[in-house]
């Protein structure tokens, strides 16, 4: 019985943050919180807009956003949402906001390479 209890306690221990990349270098995508999300191009096609539907009345201090040129990683109450961008972005010129009406997290990321039409 004591052995079963120890095994149960081992299962409850946090396993640490999930990996961010596969062995071949590709970005792993995950949505532990099950939040709705979307990628949209801006009207002038120079930016990628990422929207994550977090609850409206959740405190902003519970959100942690990490932007990389290839992917975005958002921690929402210790639940990881990590998604790769369709194109490479400029991290230093990106903006992260919280919508005052819906409470959704909105990230506007300029594209690194703007394709000419």
N, C-alpha and C. Protein backbone atom coordinates (compact mmCIF):
# COMPACT_ATOMS: atom_id res chain seq x y z
N UNK A 1 0.82 -1.20 0.00
CA UNK A 1 0.00 0.00 0.00
C UNK A 1 0.86 1.26 0.00
N UNK A 2 1.95 1.25 0.76
CA UNK A 2 2.82 2.41 0.82
C UNK A 2 3.49 2.65 -0.54
N UNK A 3 3.83 1.56 -1.24
CA UNK A 3 4.45 1.67 -2.56
C UNK A 3 3.47 2.31 -3.55
N UNK A 4 2.21 1.95 -3.49
CA UNK A 4 1.20 2.55 -4.36
C UNK A 4 1.04 4.03 -4.07
N UNK A 5 1.12 4.40 -2.80
CA UNK A 5 1.00 5.80 -2.42
C UNK A 5 2.17 6.61 -2.99
N UNK A 6 3.39 6.07 -2.92
CA UNK A 6 4.56 6.76 -3.46
C UNK A 6 4.43 6.92 -4.98
N UNK A 7 3.97 5.89 -5.65
CA UNK A 7 3.79 5.99 -7.10
C UNK A 7 2.75 7.04 -7.45
N UNK A 8 1.69 7.12 -6.65
CA UNK A 8 0.65 8.13 -6.87
C UNK A 8 1.22 9.53 -6.66
N UNK A 9 2.04 9.73 -5.64
CA UNK A 9 2.66 11.02 -5.38
C UNK A 9 3.60 11.42 -6.52
N UNK A 10 4.32 10.46 -7.09
CA UNK A 10 5.21 10.75 -8.21
C UNK A 10 4.43 11.24 -9.42
N UNK A 11 3.24 10.67 -9.64
CA UNK A 11 2.41 11.09 -10.76
C UNK A 11 1.90 12.51 -10.59
N UNK A 12 1.70 12.94 -9.34
CA UNK A 12 1.17 14.28 -9.08
C UNK A 12 2.23 15.37 -9.18
N UNK A 13 3.51 15.03 -9.12
CA UNK A 13 4.56 16.04 -9.18
C UNK A 13 4.56 16.70 -10.54
N UNK A 14 4.79 18.02 -10.57
CA UNK A 14 4.85 18.70 -11.86
C UNK A 14 6.03 18.17 -12.67
N UNK A 15 5.81 17.99 -13.96
CA UNK A 15 6.82 17.40 -14.82
C UNK A 15 7.70 18.44 -15.47
N UNK A 16 7.50 19.71 -15.19
CA UNK A 16 8.29 20.76 -15.80
C UNK A 16 7.65 21.27 -17.08
N UNK A 17 8.22 22.33 -17.63
CA UNK A 17 7.64 22.89 -18.85
C UNK A 17 7.83 21.95 -20.03
N UNK A 18 6.89 21.98 -20.97
CA UNK A 18 7.01 21.11 -22.14
C UNK A 18 8.16 21.57 -23.03
N UNK A 19 8.65 20.66 -23.85
CA UNK A 19 9.73 21.01 -24.77
C UNK A 19 9.21 22.00 -25.81
N UNK A 20 10.12 22.82 -26.34
CA UNK A 20 9.72 23.80 -27.34
C UNK A 20 10.03 23.36 -28.76
N UNK A 21 11.01 22.47 -28.92
CA UNK A 21 11.40 22.04 -30.26
C UNK A 21 11.55 20.52 -30.33
N UNK A 22 11.35 19.99 -31.52
CA UNK A 22 11.62 18.58 -31.78
C UNK A 22 13.13 18.40 -31.98
N UNK A 23 13.56 17.16 -32.11
CA UNK A 23 14.97 16.88 -32.33
C UNK A 23 15.47 17.45 -33.64
N UNK A 24 14.60 17.56 -34.66
CA UNK A 24 15.01 18.08 -35.96
C UNK A 24 14.93 19.61 -36.04
N UNK A 25 14.57 20.29 -34.94
CA UNK A 25 14.54 21.75 -34.90
C UNK A 25 13.19 22.38 -35.15
N UNK A 26 12.18 21.60 -35.52
CA UNK A 26 10.85 22.17 -35.74
C UNK A 26 10.20 22.54 -34.41
N UNK A 27 9.36 23.56 -34.44
CA UNK A 27 8.68 24.04 -33.24
C UNK A 27 7.51 23.12 -32.92
N UNK A 28 7.41 22.70 -31.66
CA UNK A 28 6.27 21.91 -31.21
C UNK A 28 5.12 22.86 -30.89
N UNK A 29 3.92 22.52 -31.30
CA UNK A 29 2.76 23.35 -31.01
C UNK A 29 1.91 22.67 -29.95
N UNK A 30 1.40 23.46 -29.01
CA UNK A 30 0.52 22.91 -27.98
C UNK A 30 -0.45 23.99 -27.51
N UNK A 31 -1.58 23.55 -26.98
CA UNK A 31 -2.60 24.44 -26.45
C UNK A 31 -3.19 23.76 -25.22
N UNK A 32 -2.45 23.78 -24.11
CA UNK A 32 -2.87 23.08 -22.91
C UNK A 32 -4.16 23.64 -22.32
N UNK A 33 -4.37 24.94 -22.44
CA UNK A 33 -5.56 25.55 -21.88
C UNK A 33 -6.79 25.38 -22.74
N UNK A 34 -6.62 24.99 -23.99
CA UNK A 34 -7.76 24.82 -24.90
C UNK A 34 -8.38 26.13 -25.33
N UNK A 35 -7.60 27.20 -25.36
CA UNK A 35 -8.14 28.52 -25.75
C UNK A 35 -8.23 28.62 -27.26
N UNK A 36 -9.23 29.35 -27.74
CA UNK A 36 -9.37 29.62 -29.17
C UNK A 36 -8.30 30.63 -29.57
N UNK A 37 -7.78 30.49 -30.77
CA UNK A 37 -6.74 31.39 -31.25
C UNK A 37 -6.89 31.57 -32.76
N UNK A 38 -6.27 32.64 -33.28
CA UNK A 38 -6.31 32.87 -34.72
C UNK A 38 -5.12 33.70 -35.15
N UNK A 39 -4.66 33.46 -36.38
CA UNK A 39 -3.66 34.27 -37.06
C UNK A 39 -4.36 34.97 -38.22
N UNK A 40 -4.17 36.28 -38.34
CA UNK A 40 -4.74 37.05 -39.44
C UNK A 40 -3.68 38.00 -39.97
N UNK A 41 -3.70 38.26 -41.27
CA UNK A 41 -2.84 39.28 -41.85
C UNK A 41 -3.51 40.64 -41.68
N UNK A 42 -2.69 41.69 -41.53
CA UNK A 42 -3.25 43.03 -41.48
C UNK A 42 -3.74 43.42 -42.87
N UNK A 43 -4.44 44.53 -42.96
CA UNK A 43 -5.02 44.94 -44.25
C UNK A 43 -3.95 45.22 -45.30
N UNK A 44 -2.80 45.78 -44.85
CA UNK A 44 -1.74 46.09 -45.81
C UNK A 44 -0.74 44.94 -45.97
N UNK A 45 -1.02 43.79 -45.37
CA UNK A 45 -0.22 42.56 -45.50
C UNK A 45 1.20 42.70 -44.96
N UNK A 46 1.47 43.65 -44.06
CA UNK A 46 2.82 43.81 -43.50
C UNK A 46 2.95 43.23 -42.10
N UNK A 47 1.83 42.89 -41.47
CA UNK A 47 1.86 42.37 -40.09
C UNK A 47 1.02 41.10 -39.99
N UNK A 48 1.38 40.29 -38.99
CA UNK A 48 0.59 39.13 -38.62
C UNK A 48 -0.05 39.44 -37.28
N UNK A 49 -1.36 39.33 -37.19
CA UNK A 49 -2.07 39.56 -35.94
C UNK A 49 -2.44 38.22 -35.32
N UNK A 50 -2.01 38.02 -34.09
CA UNK A 50 -2.31 36.80 -33.34
C UNK A 50 -3.27 37.16 -32.23
N UNK A 51 -4.38 36.43 -32.14
CA UNK A 51 -5.37 36.69 -31.09
C UNK A 51 -5.62 35.41 -30.31
N UNK A 52 -5.52 35.51 -28.98
CA UNK A 52 -5.77 34.38 -28.09
C UNK A 52 -6.96 34.73 -27.21
N UNK A 53 -7.99 33.90 -27.23
CA UNK A 53 -9.23 34.18 -26.51
C UNK A 53 -9.12 33.73 -25.05
N UNK A 54 -8.52 34.58 -24.24
CA UNK A 54 -8.47 34.29 -22.80
C UNK A 54 -9.72 34.87 -22.14
N UNK A 55 -10.11 34.37 -20.97
CA UNK A 55 -11.31 34.88 -20.32
C UNK A 55 -11.24 36.38 -20.05
N UNK A 56 -12.36 37.03 -20.17
CA UNK A 56 -12.43 38.49 -20.09
C UNK A 56 -12.00 39.03 -18.73
N UNK A 57 -12.39 38.37 -17.66
CA UNK A 57 -12.12 38.92 -16.34
C UNK A 57 -10.87 38.33 -15.68
N UNK A 58 -10.05 37.64 -16.46
CA UNK A 58 -8.79 37.12 -15.93
C UNK A 58 -7.80 38.28 -15.77
N UNK A 59 -7.07 38.29 -14.67
CA UNK A 59 -6.11 39.34 -14.41
C UNK A 59 -4.95 39.23 -15.40
N UNK A 60 -4.48 40.37 -15.89
CA UNK A 60 -3.40 40.39 -16.87
C UNK A 60 -2.10 39.87 -16.29
N UNK A 61 -1.93 39.94 -14.99
CA UNK A 61 -0.69 39.45 -14.37
C UNK A 61 -0.57 37.92 -14.47
N UNK A 62 -1.64 37.23 -14.82
CA UNK A 62 -1.60 35.78 -15.00
C UNK A 62 -1.16 35.37 -16.40
N UNK A 63 -0.88 36.36 -17.26
CA UNK A 63 -0.45 36.10 -18.63
C UNK A 63 1.03 36.41 -18.78
N UNK A 64 1.76 35.53 -19.45
CA UNK A 64 3.17 35.74 -19.75
C UNK A 64 3.40 35.41 -21.21
N UNK A 65 3.83 36.40 -21.99
CA UNK A 65 4.00 36.24 -23.44
C UNK A 65 5.49 36.23 -23.77
N UNK A 66 5.90 35.24 -24.54
CA UNK A 66 7.27 35.15 -25.02
C UNK A 66 7.23 35.06 -26.54
N UNK A 67 7.79 36.07 -27.20
CA UNK A 67 7.82 36.10 -28.67
C UNK A 67 9.20 35.72 -29.17
N UNK A 68 9.23 34.85 -30.14
CA UNK A 68 10.44 34.46 -30.85
C UNK A 68 10.16 34.69 -32.33
N UNK A 69 11.20 34.80 -33.17
CA UNK A 69 10.95 35.03 -34.61
C UNK A 69 10.11 33.95 -35.27
N UNK A 70 10.14 32.73 -34.74
CA UNK A 70 9.42 31.63 -35.37
C UNK A 70 8.12 31.24 -34.67
N UNK A 71 7.98 31.58 -33.39
CA UNK A 71 6.80 31.12 -32.65
C UNK A 71 6.45 32.08 -31.51
N UNK A 72 5.24 31.92 -30.99
CA UNK A 72 4.78 32.66 -29.82
C UNK A 72 4.46 31.64 -28.73
N UNK A 73 4.83 31.97 -27.50
CA UNK A 73 4.56 31.10 -26.36
C UNK A 73 3.88 31.94 -25.29
N UNK A 74 2.66 31.52 -24.89
CA UNK A 74 1.88 32.26 -23.90
C UNK A 74 1.58 31.32 -22.73
N UNK A 75 1.92 31.76 -21.53
CA UNK A 75 1.57 31.03 -20.31
C UNK A 75 0.34 31.70 -19.73
N UNK A 76 -0.73 30.96 -19.62
CA UNK A 76 -1.98 31.46 -19.04
C UNK A 76 -2.28 30.58 -17.83
N UNK A 77 -2.08 31.11 -16.63
CA UNK A 77 -2.29 30.34 -15.40
C UNK A 77 -1.57 29.00 -15.46
N UNK A 78 -0.27 29.03 -15.81
CA UNK A 78 0.60 27.86 -15.89
C UNK A 78 0.18 26.84 -16.95
N UNK A 79 -0.64 27.24 -17.89
CA UNK A 79 -1.00 26.39 -19.04
C UNK A 79 -0.32 27.01 -20.27
N UNK A 80 0.38 26.19 -21.03
CA UNK A 80 1.18 26.67 -22.16
C UNK A 80 0.38 26.61 -23.45
N UNK A 81 0.41 27.71 -24.19
CA UNK A 81 -0.08 27.75 -25.56
C UNK A 81 1.10 28.20 -26.41
N UNK A 82 1.57 27.32 -27.29
CA UNK A 82 2.72 27.62 -28.13
C UNK A 82 2.38 27.30 -29.57
N UNK A 83 2.50 28.32 -30.43
CA UNK A 83 2.13 28.17 -31.84
C UNK A 83 3.21 28.78 -32.71
N UNK A 84 3.46 28.16 -33.85
CA UNK A 84 4.45 28.71 -34.78
C UNK A 84 3.77 29.69 -35.73
N UNK A 85 4.49 30.75 -36.07
CA UNK A 85 3.98 31.76 -36.99
C UNK A 85 4.04 31.24 -38.42
N UNK A 86 3.13 31.70 -39.28
CA UNK A 86 3.19 31.29 -40.69
C UNK A 86 4.43 31.85 -41.40
N UNK A 87 4.95 32.99 -40.92
CA UNK A 87 6.14 33.61 -41.48
C UNK A 87 7.01 34.13 -40.33
N UNK A 88 8.27 34.42 -40.62
CA UNK A 88 9.16 34.96 -39.60
C UNK A 88 8.76 36.41 -39.29
N UNK A 89 8.86 36.79 -38.00
CA UNK A 89 8.44 38.12 -37.57
C UNK A 89 9.62 38.91 -36.99
N UNK A 90 9.40 40.21 -36.78
CA UNK A 90 10.35 41.08 -36.10
C UNK A 90 9.89 41.24 -34.66
N UNK A 91 10.61 40.64 -33.74
CA UNK A 91 10.20 40.62 -32.34
C UNK A 91 10.28 42.01 -31.72
N UNK A 92 11.35 42.76 -32.02
CA UNK A 92 11.56 44.05 -31.37
C UNK A 92 10.53 45.11 -31.75
N UNK A 93 9.82 44.92 -32.85
CA UNK A 93 8.80 45.89 -33.28
C UNK A 93 7.38 45.40 -33.02
N UNK A 94 7.24 44.27 -32.38
CA UNK A 94 5.91 43.70 -32.11
C UNK A 94 5.27 44.37 -30.90
N UNK A 95 3.94 44.36 -30.88
CA UNK A 95 3.19 44.92 -29.75
C UNK A 95 2.24 43.87 -29.19
N UNK A 96 2.12 43.87 -27.87
CA UNK A 96 1.22 42.95 -27.18
C UNK A 96 0.23 43.78 -26.40
N UNK A 97 -1.07 43.53 -26.63
CA UNK A 97 -2.13 44.29 -25.96
C UNK A 97 -3.22 43.35 -25.49
N UNK A 98 -4.02 43.87 -24.62
CA UNK A 98 -5.21 43.16 -24.16
C UNK A 98 -6.41 43.98 -24.60
N UNK A 99 -7.34 43.37 -25.30
CA UNK A 99 -8.52 44.08 -25.76
C UNK A 99 -9.37 44.50 -24.57
N UNK A 100 -9.77 45.77 -24.54
CA UNK A 100 -10.57 46.27 -23.42
C UNK A 100 -12.02 45.80 -23.50
N UNK A 101 -12.47 45.46 -24.68
CA UNK A 101 -13.86 45.03 -24.84
C UNK A 101 -14.02 43.54 -24.58
N UNK A 102 -13.20 42.72 -25.26
CA UNK A 102 -13.36 41.26 -25.14
C UNK A 102 -12.41 40.63 -24.13
N UNK A 103 -11.32 41.30 -23.80
CA UNK A 103 -10.32 40.74 -22.89
C UNK A 103 -9.33 39.83 -23.59
N UNK A 104 -9.46 39.64 -24.90
CA UNK A 104 -8.57 38.77 -25.63
C UNK A 104 -7.17 39.38 -25.72
N UNK A 105 -6.18 38.52 -25.81
CA UNK A 105 -4.80 38.94 -25.98
C UNK A 105 -4.55 39.12 -27.46
N UNK A 106 -4.05 40.30 -27.86
CA UNK A 106 -3.82 40.61 -29.26
C UNK A 106 -2.34 40.97 -29.43
N UNK A 107 -1.66 40.25 -30.33
CA UNK A 107 -0.25 40.49 -30.61
C UNK A 107 -0.12 40.88 -32.07
N UNK A 108 0.42 42.07 -32.35
CA UNK A 108 0.64 42.55 -33.71
C UNK A 108 2.13 42.43 -34.00
N UNK A 109 2.49 41.60 -34.99
CA UNK A 109 3.88 41.29 -35.29
C UNK A 109 4.20 41.66 -36.74
N UNK A 110 5.11 42.64 -36.96
CA UNK A 110 5.52 42.94 -38.33
C UNK A 110 6.28 41.78 -38.95
N UNK A 111 6.06 41.54 -40.22
CA UNK A 111 6.75 40.46 -40.92
C UNK A 111 8.20 40.84 -41.18
N UNK A 112 9.10 39.87 -41.09
CA UNK A 112 10.51 40.11 -41.35
C UNK A 112 10.75 40.30 -42.83
N UNK A 113 10.10 39.50 -43.65
CA UNK A 113 10.24 39.59 -45.11
C UNK A 113 8.87 39.86 -45.70
N UNK A 114 8.69 41.06 -46.18
CA UNK A 114 7.41 41.42 -46.78
C UNK A 114 7.48 41.03 -48.26
N UNK A 115 6.61 40.09 -48.64
CA UNK A 115 6.59 39.64 -50.03
C UNK A 115 5.88 40.66 -50.88
N UNK A 116 6.47 40.95 -52.03
CA UNK A 116 5.87 41.93 -52.94
C UNK A 116 4.78 41.27 -53.76
N UNK A 117 3.70 41.98 -53.95
CA UNK A 117 2.58 41.46 -54.71
C UNK A 117 2.61 42.02 -56.12
